[in-house]
Amino acid sequence: MEQISKHDALAILLESKVNHCLALAEKYYHQKFEYQSIQINLKGRAAGQIRYQNTRSPSANLPLLRFNPYLLKKYGQEFIDQVVPHECAHLVVYVVHGFTSLGRRIRPHGSEWKAVMQGLYQLEPKVTHNFEVQRKQREHYIYLCQCHKLEHSLSVIRHNKVLRGQAKYLCKHCKEGISYKEQRVAQ
């Protein structure tokens, strides 16, 4: 018999919660709430995201529901219980109201979204999560100048511009070009 990995089990629970939240909305609003797919590939600080390819007409295409795999794995059921209804509430609001209502743009966490969170999902409408996010270690590239051998720290983007010949950086003190010394990982 095949074992289901923790990641796969959490993905199944997450999809089940999405379908449950949207079934509640369908029963309440008497209309369908469909999505294109669920993707567990969101990076960075965001826990979840709903994306429409065509924001002018949400009914013209189905949204993608995206979730952060790091936070899903770290927080499991707590993540599913908080983040999935939050994102489903966005989907419900956009289907019911569109992106504009009464001549004004619907705000992502505005009154319509808050009403769905409280009325339909019985949850406090929290805009941001309190999950601890893993900080990405940033690479810095150390360059030296000609005058006093001062160290200049360049980001990955600036370093790559130097390598491609798209930029040249000068020391603020001696006004001479700087040259590459070494790479460091800053925490």
Protein backbone atom coordinates (compact mmCIF):
# COMPACT_ATOMS: atom_id res chain seq x y z
CA MET A 1 0.00 0.00 0.00
CA GLU A 2 1.33 3.44 -0.96
CA GLN A 3 2.21 6.01 1.68
CA ILE A 4 0.95 9.56 1.23
CA SER A 5 3.59 12.19 2.00
CA LYS A 6 2.85 14.97 4.48
CA HIS A 7 2.90 17.47 1.61
CA ASP A 8 0.38 15.44 -0.41
CA ALA A 9 -1.86 14.96 2.63
CA LEU A 10 -1.85 18.70 3.34
CA ALA A 11 -2.56 19.45 -0.33
CA ILE A 12 -5.58 17.11 -0.19
CA LEU A 13 -6.84 18.79 3.01
CA LEU A 14 -6.32 22.23 1.48
CA GLU A 15 -8.27 21.34 -1.67
CA SER A 16 -11.02 19.81 0.44
CA LYS A 17 -11.27 23.05 2.48
CA VAL A 18 -11.43 25.14 -0.72
CA ASN A 19 -14.27 22.98 -2.03
CA HIS A 20 -16.08 23.14 1.32
CA CYS A 21 -15.80 26.96 1.49
CA LEU A 22 -17.06 27.37 -2.06
CA ALA A 23 -19.90 24.88 -1.47
CA LEU A 24 -21.04 27.05 1.47
CA ALA A 25 -20.97 30.08 -0.82
CA GLU A 26 -22.90 28.25 -3.55
CA LYS A 27 -25.60 27.27 -1.08
CA TYR A 28 -25.84 30.83 0.30
CA TYR A 29 -25.67 32.77 -3.00
CA HIS A 30 -27.39 30.16 -5.22
CA GLN A 31 -24.68 30.33 -7.88
CA LYS A 32 -21.50 28.52 -8.90
CA PHE A 33 -18.06 29.51 -7.68
CA GLU A 34 -15.46 27.80 -9.85
CA TYR A 35 -11.71 28.03 -10.05
CA GLN A 36 -9.18 26.99 -12.66
CA SER A 37 -6.73 25.26 -10.36
CA ILE A 38 -5.06 25.23 -6.98
CA GLN A 39 -1.33 25.83 -7.02
CA ILE A 40 0.89 25.41 -4.00
CA ASN A 41 3.80 27.44 -5.33
CA LEU A 42 3.52 30.93 -3.86
CA LYS A 43 6.78 32.32 -2.49
CA GLY A 44 7.63 35.09 -0.10
CA ARG A 45 5.55 36.54 2.73
CA ALA A 46 2.14 36.01 1.10
CA ALA A 47 0.19 33.03 2.45
CA GLY A 48 -2.34 32.89 -0.36
CA GLN A 49 -3.43 34.62 -3.51
CA ILE A 50 -6.29 34.59 -5.99
CA ARG A 51 -5.29 35.54 -9.53
CA TYR A 52 -7.44 36.38 -12.49
CA GLN A 53 -5.79 36.49 -15.89
CA ASN A 54 -8.29 39.11 -17.09
CA THR A 55 -9.16 41.52 -14.29
CA ARG A 56 -11.67 43.46 -16.40
CA SER A 57 -14.03 40.52 -16.55
CA PRO A 58 -13.71 37.89 -13.81
CA SER A 59 -16.56 35.92 -15.35
CA ALA A 60 -14.59 35.58 -18.60
CA ASN A 61 -12.00 33.34 -16.97
CA LEU A 62 -11.57 31.19 -13.92
CA PRO A 63 -9.17 32.26 -11.17
CA LEU A 64 -6.09 30.46 -9.91
CA LEU A 65 -5.88 29.88 -6.17
CA ARG A 66 -2.27 29.97 -5.04
CA PHE A 67 -0.87 29.05 -1.64
CA ASN A 68 2.54 29.19 0.04
CA PRO A 69 4.03 25.66 0.41
CA TYR A 70 6.46 26.68 3.17
CA LEU A 71 3.69 28.10 5.37
CA LEU A 72 1.34 25.22 4.56
CA LYS A 73 3.93 22.67 5.64
CA LYS A 74 4.98 24.62 8.74
CA TYR A 75 1.49 25.46 10.05
CA GLY A 76 -0.65 22.69 8.53
CA GLN A 77 -4.29 22.73 9.64
CA GLU A 78 -4.02 26.20 11.19
CA PHE A 79 -2.89 27.55 7.79
CA ILE A 80 -5.74 25.74 6.01
CA ASP A 81 -8.36 27.00 8.47
CA GLN A 82 -7.25 30.64 8.21
CA VAL A 83 -5.88 31.18 4.71
CA VAL A 84 -8.27 29.11 2.59
CA PRO A 85 -11.45 30.93 3.70
CA HIS A 86 -9.62 34.26 3.28
CA GLU A 87 -8.82 33.49 -0.37
CA CYS A 88 -12.21 31.90 -1.05
CA ALA A 89 -13.86 35.07 0.27
CA HIS A 90 -11.97 37.03 -2.41
CA LEU A 91 -13.25 34.66 -5.08
CA VAL A 92 -16.83 34.94 -3.79
CA VAL A 93 -16.70 38.74 -3.70
CA TYR A 94 -15.33 39.02 -7.24
CA VAL A 95 -17.95 36.62 -8.64
CA VAL A 96 -20.85 38.25 -6.79
CA HIS A 97 -19.81 41.90 -7.18
CA GLY A 98 -17.19 41.97 -9.93
CA PHE A 99 -14.27 44.31 -9.57
CA THR A 100 -16.50 47.37 -9.35
CA SER A 101 -19.78 48.07 -7.61
CA LEU A 102 -21.95 51.20 -7.72
CA GLY A 103 -19.31 53.02 -9.75
CA ARG A 104 -16.48 52.31 -7.32
CA ARG A 105 -13.70 49.77 -7.35
CA ILE A 106 -14.15 46.88 -4.92
CA ARG A 107 -11.35 47.01 -2.37
CA PRO A 108 -9.66 43.62 -1.80
CA HIS A 109 -10.29 43.72 1.95
CA GLY A 110 -13.24 46.08 1.86
CA SER A 111 -16.72 45.79 3.32
CA GLU A 112 -17.86 43.11 0.84
CA TRP A 113 -14.93 40.84 1.72
CA LYS A 114 -15.40 41.46 5.45
CA ALA A 115 -19.09 40.57 5.16
CA VAL A 116 -18.25 37.23 3.51
CA MET A 117 -15.60 36.43 6.13
CA GLN A 118 -17.93 37.20 9.04
CA GLY A 119 -21.32 36.24 7.66
CA LEU A 120 -20.52 33.20 5.57
CA TYR A 121 -17.34 31.77 7.11
CA GLN A 122 -17.87 32.97 10.70
CA LEU A 123 -14.28 34.21 10.91
CA GLU A 124 -12.66 37.43 12.00
CA PRO A 125 -11.73 39.30 8.80
CA LYS A 126 -7.97 39.54 9.32
CA VAL A 127 -6.15 41.13 6.40
CA THR A 128 -2.71 39.73 7.26
CA HIS A 129 -1.55 36.52 8.84
CA ASN A 130 0.66 36.12 11.90
CA PHE A 131 2.69 33.23 10.56
CA GLU A 132 6.44 33.46 10.92
CA VAL A 133 7.94 33.66 7.46
CA GLN A 134 11.38 32.34 6.68
CA ARG A 135 13.62 35.26 5.78
CA LYS A 136 15.56 34.82 2.61
CA GLN A 137 19.28 35.18 2.96
CA ARG A 138 20.51 37.82 0.57
CA GLU A 139 23.67 37.54 -1.43
CA HIS A 140 25.93 40.55 -1.59
CA TYR A 141 28.95 40.99 -3.77
CA ILE A 142 31.92 42.83 -2.32
CA TYR A 143 33.77 45.25 -4.55
CA LEU A 144 36.88 47.26 -3.73
CA CYS A 145 37.82 50.76 -4.82
CA GLN A 146 41.30 52.04 -5.71
CA CYS A 147 41.76 54.73 -3.04
CA HIS A 148 41.48 53.39 0.47
CA LYS A 149 40.49 49.83 -0.31
CA LEU A 150 36.97 50.59 0.90
CA GLU A 151 34.50 47.73 0.57
CA HIS A 152 31.38 48.38 -1.50
CA SER A 153 28.49 45.91 -1.18
CA LEU A 154 26.45 45.35 -4.34
CA SER A 155 23.18 43.46 -4.60
CA VAL A 156 22.71 40.52 -6.97
CA ILE A 157 20.94 42.79 -9.46
CA ARG A 158 23.74 45.37 -9.52
CA HIS A 159 26.42 42.67 -9.67
CA ASN A 160 24.72 41.07 -12.66
CA LYS A 161 24.52 44.44 -14.41
CA VAL A 162 28.28 44.80 -13.97
CA LEU A 163 28.86 41.30 -15.38
CA ARG A 164 26.70 42.07 -18.43
CA GLY A 165 28.46 45.38 -18.97
CA GLN A 166 25.25 47.35 -18.40
CA ALA A 167 26.57 49.35 -15.44
CA LYS A 168 29.78 50.57 -13.91
CA TYR A 169 29.88 51.77 -10.32
CA LEU A 170 32.29 54.31 -8.87
CA CYS A 171 33.60 54.92 -5.37
CA LYS A 172 31.95 58.01 -3.88
CA HIS A 173 35.28 59.10 -2.37
CA CYS A 174 37.88 58.64 -5.11
CA LYS A 175 35.46 58.54 -8.07
CA GLU A 176 37.36 55.53 -9.48
CA GLY A 177 35.77 52.30 -10.67
CA ILE A 178 35.26 49.47 -8.23
CA SER A 179 36.29 45.86 -8.88
CA TYR A 180 34.89 42.55 -7.72
CA LYS A 181 36.46 40.88 -4.67
CA GLU A 182 34.10 38.21 -3.24
CA GLN A 183 30.54 37.04 -2.63
CA ARG A 184 28.97 37.03 0.85
CA VAL A 185 25.65 35.86 2.21
CA ALA A 186 24.12 38.40 4.58
CA GLN A 187 21.58 37.25 7.16
